[in-house]
Amino acid sequence: MSEQNQFTESSAKLAADVAARAGTWIGSADAKATGMVSVAGTLLALSSIVLGSVENSARAGSVANVSFVTFSIFSIICILAGGVVLFPRTDRAGMLRKAGVTTPPATSLSFFGDLGRLTALEFNSLLLTADVDSMRREAHEQALLLCRIAATKMLAMKISICFEILALVALAISVVSNHYGV
């Protein structure tokens, strides 16, 4: 996005619509990750207690033990990927520079991380000096940033889901192998 573009009212409305949709995706990824991390952590803890005991490991065959270790590793990766979804790193200025904005404004009215660091006086001054064109530019920037955040969260969520599926397959193999002494 070039800084010389004129931001129109209609483009600002479109950017707001895009930002709202991206916000929905972000909320969806957060909700899924919360459930995924909780389930994966609970399964890992309970199965470690039941299947991971020393006497159980000694009785179980090598397939059961390897499958259980594989399940544990995949569950940990699932939990870590879920953590990336829940705690993304957002560097507004860096993301804007990557998108082609050579000199991003120091403070943004649409980025809560920036606003939260301001004093009340700085916040009021920023609001009073904002003009229509800068507000439209902010809407464009916010839409871009939210889309990037949503894409990152959804990718991490897909990785988390894939590893949880693999973990469950490994757990099933471990349980069946343990039952049959393989």
N, C-alpha and C. Protein backbone atom coordinates (compact mmCIF):
# COMPACT_ATOMS: atom_id res chain seq x y z
N MET A 1 0.86 -1.17 0.00
CA MET A 1 0.00 0.00 0.00
C MET A 1 0.90 1.23 0.00
N SER A 2 0.74 2.09 -0.97
CA SER A 2 1.55 3.30 -1.07
C SER A 2 0.98 4.37 -0.17
N GLU A 3 1.87 5.13 0.45
CA GLU A 3 1.41 6.18 1.37
C GLU A 3 0.81 7.37 0.63
N GLN A 4 1.03 7.45 -0.69
CA GLN A 4 0.51 8.57 -1.45
C GLN A 4 -0.94 8.35 -1.89
N ASN A 5 -1.48 7.18 -1.69
CA ASN A 5 -2.86 6.92 -2.09
C ASN A 5 -3.83 7.83 -1.36
N GLN A 6 -4.89 8.20 -2.04
CA GLN A 6 -5.96 8.94 -1.40
C GLN A 6 -6.97 7.93 -0.87
N PHE A 7 -7.25 7.99 0.39
CA PHE A 7 -8.18 7.05 1.00
C PHE A 7 -9.57 7.64 0.95
N THR A 8 -10.47 6.96 0.25
CA THR A 8 -11.83 7.47 0.11
C THR A 8 -12.71 6.92 1.21
N GLU A 9 -13.89 7.50 1.33
CA GLU A 9 -14.84 7.04 2.33
C GLU A 9 -15.28 5.61 2.02
N SER A 10 -15.49 5.30 0.74
CA SER A 10 -15.92 3.95 0.37
C SER A 10 -14.82 2.92 0.62
N SER A 11 -13.56 3.30 0.37
CA SER A 11 -12.47 2.35 0.63
C SER A 11 -12.30 2.14 2.14
N ALA A 12 -12.54 3.17 2.93
CA ALA A 12 -12.47 3.03 4.38
C ALA A 12 -13.59 2.12 4.89
N LYS A 13 -14.78 2.22 4.29
CA LYS A 13 -15.88 1.32 4.69
C LYS A 13 -15.57 -0.12 4.30
N LEU A 14 -15.00 -0.31 3.10
CA LEU A 14 -14.60 -1.65 2.68
C LEU A 14 -13.54 -2.20 3.63
N ALA A 15 -12.57 -1.37 3.99
CA ALA A 15 -11.52 -1.80 4.92
C ALA A 15 -12.13 -2.18 6.27
N ALA A 16 -13.12 -1.44 6.72
CA ALA A 16 -13.78 -1.77 7.99
C ALA A 16 -14.51 -3.11 7.89
N ASP A 17 -15.14 -3.37 6.75
CA ASP A 17 -15.81 -4.66 6.55
C ASP A 17 -14.80 -5.81 6.56
N VAL A 18 -13.69 -5.61 5.86
CA VAL A 18 -12.63 -6.63 5.83
C VAL A 18 -12.09 -6.85 7.25
N ALA A 19 -11.87 -5.77 7.98
CA ALA A 19 -11.36 -5.88 9.35
C ALA A 19 -12.35 -6.64 10.24
N ALA A 20 -13.64 -6.39 10.05
CA ALA A 20 -14.65 -7.09 10.85
C ALA A 20 -14.64 -8.59 10.55
N ARG A 21 -14.51 -8.94 9.27
CA ARG A 21 -14.45 -10.37 8.91
C ARG A 21 -13.17 -11.01 9.46
N ALA A 22 -12.06 -10.30 9.37
CA ALA A 22 -10.81 -10.82 9.92
C ALA A 22 -10.93 -10.99 11.44
N GLY A 23 -11.61 -10.05 12.09
CA GLY A 23 -11.83 -10.16 13.53
C GLY A 23 -12.63 -11.40 13.88
N THR A 24 -13.59 -11.76 13.03
CA THR A 24 -14.38 -12.98 13.23
C THR A 24 -13.48 -14.21 13.13
N TRP A 25 -12.59 -14.21 12.14
CA TRP A 25 -11.66 -15.33 11.99
C TRP A 25 -10.73 -15.42 13.19
N ILE A 26 -10.26 -14.29 13.68
CA ILE A 26 -9.39 -14.27 14.85
C ILE A 26 -10.11 -14.85 16.05
N GLY A 27 -11.35 -14.43 16.26
CA GLY A 27 -12.15 -14.96 17.37
C GLY A 27 -12.39 -16.45 17.24
N SER A 28 -12.64 -16.90 16.02
CA SER A 28 -12.85 -18.33 15.77
C SER A 28 -11.60 -19.13 16.08
N ALA A 29 -10.45 -18.64 15.62
CA ALA A 29 -9.19 -19.34 15.89
C ALA A 29 -8.91 -19.38 17.39
N ASP A 30 -9.16 -18.27 18.09
CA ASP A 30 -8.93 -18.23 19.53
C ASP A 30 -9.82 -19.24 20.27
N ALA A 31 -11.09 -19.31 19.87
CA ALA A 31 -12.02 -20.24 20.52
C ALA A 31 -11.60 -21.68 20.28
N LYS A 32 -11.23 -21.99 19.03
CA LYS A 32 -10.79 -23.35 18.71
C LYS A 32 -9.51 -23.70 19.47
N ALA A 33 -8.57 -22.76 19.52
CA ALA A 33 -7.30 -23.03 20.19
C ALA A 33 -7.50 -23.25 21.68
N THR A 34 -8.39 -22.49 22.29
CA THR A 34 -8.66 -22.66 23.71
C THR A 34 -9.14 -24.08 23.99
N GLY A 35 -10.10 -24.54 23.19
CA GLY A 35 -10.60 -25.90 23.35
C GLY A 35 -9.54 -26.94 23.05
N MET A 36 -8.78 -26.73 21.96
CA MET A 36 -7.76 -27.69 21.55
C MET A 36 -6.67 -27.83 22.60
N VAL A 37 -6.19 -26.72 23.12
CA VAL A 37 -5.14 -26.77 24.13
C VAL A 37 -5.66 -27.44 25.41
N SER A 38 -6.88 -27.15 25.78
CA SER A 38 -7.47 -27.76 26.98
C SER A 38 -7.61 -29.27 26.82
N VAL A 39 -8.15 -29.70 25.69
CA VAL A 39 -8.35 -31.13 25.44
C VAL A 39 -7.01 -31.85 25.34
N ALA A 40 -6.08 -31.28 24.58
CA ALA A 40 -4.77 -31.92 24.41
C ALA A 40 -4.04 -32.03 25.74
N GLY A 41 -4.08 -30.97 26.54
CA GLY A 41 -3.42 -31.01 27.84
C GLY A 41 -4.05 -32.02 28.78
N THR A 42 -5.38 -32.08 28.78
CA THR A 42 -6.09 -33.05 29.63
C THR A 42 -5.79 -34.47 29.21
N LEU A 43 -5.86 -34.74 27.90
CA LEU A 43 -5.55 -36.09 27.39
C LEU A 43 -4.12 -36.49 27.73
N LEU A 44 -3.21 -35.57 27.56
CA LEU A 44 -1.80 -35.86 27.85
C LEU A 44 -1.62 -36.18 29.33
N ALA A 45 -2.24 -35.39 30.19
CA ALA A 45 -2.10 -35.62 31.63
C ALA A 45 -2.74 -36.94 32.06
N LEU A 46 -3.97 -37.17 31.61
CA LEU A 46 -4.65 -38.41 32.01
C LEU A 46 -3.98 -39.65 31.45
N SER A 47 -3.60 -39.60 30.19
CA SER A 47 -2.97 -40.79 29.61
C SER A 47 -1.58 -41.03 30.21
N SER A 48 -0.90 -39.97 30.59
CA SER A 48 0.40 -40.15 31.25
C SER A 48 0.23 -40.86 32.58
N ILE A 49 -0.84 -40.53 33.28
CA ILE A 49 -1.09 -41.19 34.57
C ILE A 49 -1.44 -42.65 34.35
N VAL A 50 -2.31 -42.92 33.38
CA VAL A 50 -2.79 -44.29 33.17
C VAL A 50 -1.78 -45.15 32.43
N LEU A 51 -1.29 -44.65 31.30
CA LEU A 51 -0.42 -45.47 30.46
C LEU A 51 1.06 -45.29 30.76
N GLY A 52 1.41 -44.18 31.37
CA GLY A 52 2.82 -43.87 31.56
C GLY A 52 3.42 -44.35 32.85
N SER A 53 2.67 -45.10 33.63
CA SER A 53 3.23 -45.57 34.90
C SER A 53 4.36 -46.57 34.63
N VAL A 54 5.27 -46.68 35.58
CA VAL A 54 6.45 -47.53 35.41
C VAL A 54 6.05 -48.99 35.22
N GLU A 55 5.10 -49.47 36.02
CA GLU A 55 4.71 -50.88 35.90
C GLU A 55 4.00 -51.15 34.57
N ASN A 56 3.24 -50.16 34.11
CA ASN A 56 2.57 -50.31 32.81
C ASN A 56 3.59 -50.31 31.68
N SER A 57 4.59 -49.45 31.77
CA SER A 57 5.62 -49.37 30.73
C SER A 57 6.42 -50.66 30.67
N ALA A 58 6.68 -51.25 31.82
CA ALA A 58 7.45 -52.49 31.84
C ALA A 58 6.66 -53.63 31.22
N ARG A 59 5.34 -53.67 31.44
CA ARG A 59 4.49 -54.73 30.89
C ARG A 59 4.21 -54.53 29.41
N ALA A 60 4.13 -53.27 28.99
CA ALA A 60 3.76 -52.98 27.60
C ALA A 60 4.89 -53.36 26.66
N GLY A 61 4.49 -53.67 25.45
CA GLY A 61 5.47 -53.99 24.42
C GLY A 61 6.10 -52.72 23.87
N SER A 62 7.07 -52.92 23.00
CA SER A 62 7.78 -51.77 22.44
C SER A 62 6.88 -50.89 21.57
N VAL A 63 5.93 -51.51 20.85
CA VAL A 63 5.02 -50.73 20.00
C VAL A 63 4.18 -49.79 20.87
N ALA A 64 3.69 -50.30 21.99
CA ALA A 64 2.88 -49.48 22.89
C ALA A 64 3.69 -48.33 23.46
N ASN A 65 4.93 -48.61 23.85
CA ASN A 65 5.77 -47.56 24.43
C ASN A 65 6.15 -46.50 23.39
N VAL A 66 6.53 -46.93 22.20
CA VAL A 66 6.89 -45.98 21.14
C VAL A 66 5.68 -45.15 20.75
N SER A 67 4.52 -45.80 20.67
CA SER A 67 3.29 -45.08 20.32
C SER A 67 2.93 -44.06 21.39
N PHE A 68 3.15 -44.43 22.65
CA PHE A 68 2.85 -43.49 23.73
C PHE A 68 3.79 -42.30 23.71
N VAL A 69 5.06 -42.53 23.46
CA VAL A 69 6.03 -41.43 23.36
C VAL A 69 5.66 -40.53 22.18
N THR A 70 5.28 -41.15 21.06
CA THR A 70 4.87 -40.39 19.87
C THR A 70 3.63 -39.55 20.19
N PHE A 71 2.67 -40.14 20.88
CA PHE A 71 1.47 -39.41 21.30
C PHE A 71 1.86 -38.20 22.16
N SER A 72 2.77 -38.41 23.10
CA SER A 72 3.18 -37.32 23.99
C SER A 72 3.84 -36.19 23.21
N ILE A 73 4.72 -36.53 22.28
CA ILE A 73 5.42 -35.51 21.48
C ILE A 73 4.42 -34.74 20.63
N PHE A 74 3.52 -35.46 19.94
CA PHE A 74 2.53 -34.79 19.10
C PHE A 74 1.59 -33.91 19.92
N SER A 75 1.24 -34.35 21.12
CA SER A 75 0.38 -33.54 21.98
C SER A 75 1.07 -32.26 22.41
N ILE A 76 2.35 -32.35 22.72
CA ILE A 76 3.10 -31.16 23.11
C ILE A 76 3.19 -30.18 21.94
N ILE A 77 3.43 -30.69 20.74
CA ILE A 77 3.48 -29.82 19.56
C ILE A 77 2.11 -29.16 19.34
N CYS A 78 1.05 -29.93 19.52
CA CYS A 78 -0.31 -29.39 19.40
C CYS A 78 -0.53 -28.25 20.39
N ILE A 79 -0.11 -28.44 21.61
CA ILE A 79 -0.28 -27.41 22.65
C ILE A 79 0.56 -26.17 22.33
N LEU A 80 1.77 -26.37 21.85
CA LEU A 80 2.62 -25.23 21.48
C LEU A 80 2.03 -24.44 20.30
N ALA A 81 1.53 -25.15 19.29
CA ALA A 81 0.89 -24.46 18.16
C ALA A 81 -0.36 -23.72 18.62
N GLY A 82 -1.10 -24.31 19.55
CA GLY A 82 -2.26 -23.62 20.12
C GLY A 82 -1.85 -22.37 20.88
N GLY A 83 -0.70 -22.43 21.53
CA GLY A 83 -0.18 -21.25 22.22
C GLY A 83 0.16 -20.13 21.26
N VAL A 84 0.66 -20.48 20.08
CA VAL A 84 0.94 -19.47 19.05
C VAL A 84 -0.35 -18.78 18.63
N VAL A 85 -1.44 -19.55 18.55
CA VAL A 85 -2.74 -18.97 18.20
C VAL A 85 -3.19 -18.01 19.28
N LEU A 86 -3.06 -18.42 20.51
CA LEU A 86 -3.58 -17.61 21.62
C LEU A 86 -2.72 -16.39 21.94
N PHE A 87 -1.43 -16.48 21.66
CA PHE A 87 -0.53 -15.39 22.00
C PHE A 87 0.31 -14.98 20.79
N PRO A 88 -0.34 -14.37 19.79
CA PRO A 88 0.44 -14.00 18.60
C PRO A 88 1.34 -12.79 18.89
N ARG A 89 2.40 -12.69 18.14
CA ARG A 89 3.30 -11.55 18.26
C ARG A 89 2.90 -10.56 17.18
N THR A 90 2.54 -9.36 17.56
CA THR A 90 2.11 -8.36 16.58
C THR A 90 2.96 -7.12 16.70
N ASP A 91 3.76 -6.89 15.70
CA ASP A 91 4.59 -5.70 15.61
C ASP A 91 4.00 -4.86 14.48
N ARG A 92 3.15 -3.91 14.82
CA ARG A 92 2.43 -3.13 13.81
C ARG A 92 3.37 -2.45 12.84
N ALA A 93 4.37 -1.77 13.33
CA ALA A 93 5.29 -1.04 12.45
C ALA A 93 6.03 -2.00 11.52
N GLY A 94 6.50 -3.12 12.07
CA GLY A 94 7.22 -4.09 11.25
C GLY A 94 6.33 -4.70 10.18
N MET A 95 5.09 -5.02 10.55
CA MET A 95 4.16 -5.60 9.58
C MET A 95 3.84 -4.60 8.47
N LEU A 96 3.70 -3.34 8.83
CA LEU A 96 3.40 -2.32 7.82
C LEU A 96 4.59 -2.09 6.90
N ARG A 97 5.80 -2.12 7.45
CA ARG A 97 6.99 -1.97 6.60
C ARG A 97 7.08 -3.10 5.59
N LYS A 98 6.78 -4.33 6.02
CA LYS A 98 6.79 -5.47 5.11
C LYS A 98 5.74 -5.31 4.02
N ALA A 99 4.65 -4.61 4.32
CA ALA A 99 3.58 -4.40 3.35
C ALA A 99 3.86 -3.21 2.43
N GLY A 100 4.98 -2.51 2.64
CA GLY A 100 5.34 -1.42 1.75
C GLY A 100 5.14 -0.03 2.29
N VAL A 101 4.69 0.11 3.52
CA VAL A 101 4.54 1.43 4.13
C VAL A 101 5.90 1.80 4.71
N THR A 102 6.57 2.77 4.07
CA THR A 102 7.95 3.07 4.45
C THR A 102 8.08 3.75 5.80
N THR A 103 7.14 4.62 6.13
CA THR A 103 7.21 5.31 7.43
C THR A 103 5.86 5.21 8.15
N PRO A 104 5.62 4.08 8.82
CA PRO A 104 4.36 3.96 9.55
C PRO A 104 4.30 4.97 10.69
N PRO A 105 3.13 5.50 10.98
CA PRO A 105 3.01 6.44 12.09
C PRO A 105 3.41 5.78 13.41
N ALA A 106 3.97 6.58 14.29
CA ALA A 106 4.45 6.05 15.57
C ALA A 106 3.31 5.49 16.41
N THR A 107 2.15 6.13 16.36
CA THR A 107 1.00 5.71 17.15
C THR A 107 -0.22 5.60 16.26
N SER A 108 -1.00 4.57 16.48
CA SER A 108 -2.17 4.31 15.66
C SER A 108 -3.43 4.36 16.51
N LEU A 109 -4.46 4.99 15.97
CA LEU A 109 -5.75 5.02 16.67
C LEU A 109 -6.50 3.70 16.53
N SER A 110 -6.04 2.82 15.65
CA SER A 110 -6.75 1.57 15.44
C SER A 110 -6.01 0.37 16.02
N PHE A 111 -4.88 0.60 16.65
CA PHE A 111 -4.10 -0.50 17.20
C PHE A 111 -4.05 -0.34 18.72
N PHE A 112 -4.76 -1.21 19.42
CA PHE A 112 -4.92 -1.05 20.86
C PHE A 112 -3.60 -1.14 21.62
N GLY A 113 -2.64 -1.88 21.07
CA GLY A 113 -1.32 -1.95 21.71
C GLY A 113 -0.68 -0.59 21.82
N ASP A 114 -0.85 0.24 20.76
CA ASP A 114 -0.31 1.60 20.80
C ASP A 114 -1.09 2.46 21.77
N LEU A 115 -2.40 2.39 21.71
CA LEU A 115 -3.26 3.25 22.54
C LEU A 115 -3.09 2.95 24.02
N GLY A 116 -2.89 1.69 24.35
CA GLY A 116 -2.75 1.30 25.76
C GLY A 116 -1.50 1.85 26.42
N ARG A 117 -0.50 2.24 25.63
CA ARG A 117 0.74 2.77 26.19
C ARG A 117 0.71 4.29 26.35
N LEU A 118 -0.34 4.94 25.88
CA LEU A 118 -0.42 6.40 25.95
C LEU A 118 -0.92 6.87 27.31
N THR A 119 -0.50 8.07 27.68
CA THR A 119 -1.08 8.71 28.85
C THR A 119 -2.43 9.30 28.42
N ALA A 120 -3.22 9.71 29.37
CA ALA A 120 -4.52 10.31 29.04
C ALA A 120 -4.35 11.57 28.20
N LEU A 121 -3.35 12.36 28.52
CA LEU A 121 -3.09 13.59 27.76
C LEU A 121 -2.69 13.27 26.31
N GLU A 122 -1.80 12.29 26.14
CA GLU A 122 -1.38 11.90 24.78
C GLU A 122 -2.55 11.33 23.99
N PHE A 123 -3.38 10.55 24.65
CA PHE A 123 -4.55 9.96 23.99
C PHE A 123 -5.51 11.05 23.52
N ASN A 124 -5.82 11.98 24.39
CA ASN A 124 -6.73 13.08 24.01
C ASN A 124 -6.13 13.92 22.88
N SER A 125 -4.86 14.19 22.94
CA SER A 125 -4.20 14.97 21.90
C SER A 125 -4.27 14.24 20.55
N LEU A 126 -4.06 12.95 20.58
CA LEU A 126 -4.12 12.15 19.35
C LEU A 126 -5.53 12.20 18.74
N LEU A 127 -6.53 12.09 19.58
CA LEU A 127 -7.92 12.15 19.10
C LEU A 127 -8.25 13.53 18.52
N LEU A 128 -7.80 14.56 19.18
CA LEU A 128 -8.14 15.92 18.74
C LEU A 128 -7.41 16.33 17.47
N THR A 129 -6.25 15.74 17.20
CA THR A 129 -5.49 16.13 16.02
C THR A 129 -5.72 15.21 14.83
N ALA A 130 -6.49 14.14 15.00
CA ALA A 130 -6.73 13.20 13.90
C ALA A 130 -7.60 13.87 12.83
N ASP A 131 -7.24 13.64 11.57
CA ASP A 131 -8.05 14.17 10.47
C ASP A 131 -8.69 13.00 9.72
N VAL A 132 -9.61 13.31 8.83
CA VAL A 132 -10.39 12.30 8.13
C VAL A 132 -9.47 11.38 7.31
N ASP A 133 -8.51 11.95 6.59
CA ASP A 133 -7.64 11.13 5.76
C ASP A 133 -6.80 10.17 6.60
N SER A 134 -6.30 10.64 7.75
CA SER A 134 -5.51 9.75 8.59
C SER A 134 -6.39 8.64 9.18
N MET A 135 -7.63 8.95 9.50
CA MET A 135 -8.54 7.92 10.01
C MET A 135 -8.84 6.87 8.94
N ARG A 136 -8.98 7.32 7.70
CA ARG A 136 -9.20 6.37 6.60
C ARG A 136 -7.96 5.50 6.39
N ARG A 137 -6.78 6.11 6.45
CA ARG A 137 -5.55 5.35 6.32
C ARG A 137 -5.45 4.32 7.44
N GLU A 138 -5.82 4.73 8.64
CA GLU A 138 -5.81 3.81 9.79
C GLU A 138 -6.74 2.63 9.54
N ALA A 139 -7.90 2.87 8.94
CA ALA A 139 -8.84 1.79 8.65
C ALA A 139 -8.21 0.79 7.69
N HIS A 140 -7.51 1.29 6.68
CA HIS A 140 -6.82 0.41 5.73
C HIS A 140 -5.73 -0.40 6.44
N GLU A 141 -4.92 0.27 7.25
CA GLU A 141 -3.85 -0.41 7.96
C GLU A 141 -4.39 -1.47 8.91
N GLN A 142 -5.46 -1.12 9.62
CA GLN A 142 -6.03 -2.07 10.55
C GLN A 142 -6.55 -3.30 9.82
N ALA A 143 -7.21 -3.11 8.68
CA ALA A 143 -7.71 -4.25 7.91
C ALA A 143 -6.55 -5.15 7.49
N LEU A 144 -5.47 -4.56 7.01
CA LEU A 144 -4.31 -5.34 6.59
C LEU A 144 -3.72 -6.12 7.76
N LEU A 145 -3.52 -5.45 8.87
CA LEU A 145 -2.92 -6.11 10.03
C LEU A 145 -3.80 -7.23 10.57
N LEU A 146 -5.10 -6.98 10.64
CA LEU A 146 -6.01 -8.02 11.14
C LEU A 146 -6.04 -9.23 10.20
N CYS A 147 -5.96 -8.98 8.90
CA CYS A 147 -5.90 -10.10 7.95
C CYS A 147 -4.64 -10.92 8.14
N ARG A 148 -3.52 -10.25 8.35
CA ARG A 148 -2.25 -10.97 8.58
C ARG A 148 -2.31 -11.76 9.88
N ILE A 149 -2.85 -11.15 10.92
CA ILE A 149 -2.96 -11.84 12.21
C ILE A 149 -3.89 -13.05 12.08
N ALA A 150 -5.03 -12.87 11.40
CA ALA A 150 -5.99 -13.97 11.21
C ALA A 150 -5.34 -15.11 10.43
N ALA A 151 -4.59 -14.79 9.38
CA ALA A 151 -3.94 -15.83 8.58
C ALA A 151 -2.92 -16.61 9.41
N THR A 152 -2.15 -15.90 10.22
CA THR A 152 -1.16 -16.56 11.08
C THR A 152 -1.83 -17.46 12.10
N LYS A 153 -2.89 -16.95 12.72
CA LYS A 153 -3.60 -17.74 13.72
C LYS A 153 -4.24 -18.99 13.10
N MET A 154 -4.84 -18.84 11.92
CA MET A 154 -5.48 -19.99 11.30
C MET A 154 -4.45 -21.04 10.87
N LEU A 155 -3.30 -20.61 10.38
CA LEU A 155 -2.25 -21.56 10.02
C LEU A 155 -1.79 -22.33 11.26
N ALA A 156 -1.54 -21.63 12.34
CA ALA A 156 -1.12 -22.29 13.58
C ALA A 156 -2.22 -23.22 14.10
N MET A 157 -3.49 -22.82 13.92
CA MET A 157 -4.60 -23.66 14.36
C MET A 157 -4.65 -24.95 13.55
N LYS A 158 -4.44 -24.85 12.23
CA LYS A 158 -4.43 -26.05 11.39
C LYS A 158 -3.30 -26.99 11.79
N ILE A 159 -2.15 -26.42 12.09
CA ILE A 159 -1.02 -27.24 12.55
C ILE A 159 -1.37 -27.93 13.86
N SER A 160 -1.99 -27.20 14.77
CA SER A 160 -2.39 -27.75 16.06
C SER A 160 -3.38 -28.91 15.87
N ILE A 161 -4.35 -28.72 15.00
CA ILE A 161 -5.35 -29.76 14.76
C ILE A 161 -4.69 -31.01 14.15
N CYS A 162 -3.82 -30.80 13.16
CA CYS A 162 -3.14 -31.94 12.52
C CYS A 162 -2.35 -32.75 13.54
N PHE A 163 -1.62 -32.06 14.41
CA PHE A 163 -0.82 -32.79 15.39
C PHE A 163 -1.70 -33.45 16.45
N GLU A 164 -2.84 -32.88 16.76
CA GLU A 164 -3.73 -33.54 17.72
C GLU A 164 -4.34 -34.80 17.11
N ILE A 165 -4.68 -34.74 15.83
CA ILE A 165 -5.19 -35.95 15.16
C ILE A 165 -4.12 -37.03 15.16
N LEU A 166 -2.88 -36.66 14.81
CA LEU A 166 -1.79 -37.63 14.84
C LEU A 166 -1.56 -38.17 16.25
N ALA A 167 -1.68 -37.30 17.24
CA ALA A 167 -1.51 -37.73 18.63
C ALA A 167 -2.59 -38.74 19.03
N LEU A 168 -3.82 -38.49 18.61
CA LEU A 168 -4.91 -39.41 18.95
C LEU A 168 -4.72 -40.77 18.27
N VAL A 169 -4.23 -40.76 17.04
CA VAL A 169 -3.94 -42.03 16.35
C VAL A 169 -2.85 -42.78 17.11
N ALA A 170 -1.80 -42.07 17.50
CA ALA A 170 -0.72 -42.70 18.26
C ALA A 170 -1.23 -43.22 19.61
N LEU A 171 -2.12 -42.48 20.25
CA LEU A 171 -2.69 -42.94 21.53
C LEU A 171 -3.52 -44.20 21.32
N ALA A 172 -4.30 -44.22 20.27
CA ALA A 172 -5.11 -45.41 19.99
C ALA A 172 -4.22 -46.63 19.74
N ILE A 173 -3.15 -46.43 18.97
CA ILE A 173 -2.21 -47.54 18.73
C ILE A 173 -1.58 -47.99 20.05
N SER A 174 -1.24 -47.04 20.89
CA SER A 174 -0.63 -47.38 22.18
C SER A 174 -1.58 -48.18 23.06
N VAL A 175 -2.84 -47.74 23.11
CA VAL A 175 -3.83 -48.43 23.94
C VAL A 175 -4.07 -49.84 23.43
N VAL A 176 -4.28 -49.98 22.12
CA VAL A 176 -4.54 -51.30 21.54
C VAL A 176 -3.31 -52.20 21.71
N SER A 177 -2.12 -51.65 21.44
CA SER A 177 -0.88 -52.43 21.60
C SER A 177 -0.68 -52.85 23.04
N ASN A 178 -0.98 -51.97 23.96
CA ASN A 178 -0.84 -52.26 25.38
C ASN A 178 -1.82 -53.37 25.78
N HIS A 179 -3.03 -53.29 25.25
CA HIS A 179 -4.06 -54.29 25.57
C HIS A 179 -3.64 -55.69 25.10
N TYR A 180 -3.07 -55.74 23.91
CA TYR A 180 -2.67 -57.01 23.33
C TYR A 180 -1.21 -57.38 23.63
N GLY A 181 -0.51 -56.53 24.37
CA GLY A 181 0.85 -56.83 24.78
C GLY A 181 1.87 -56.77 23.65
N VAL A 182 1.59 -55.98 22.64
CA VAL A 182 2.50 -55.89 21.49
C VAL A 182 3.53 -54.82 21.73
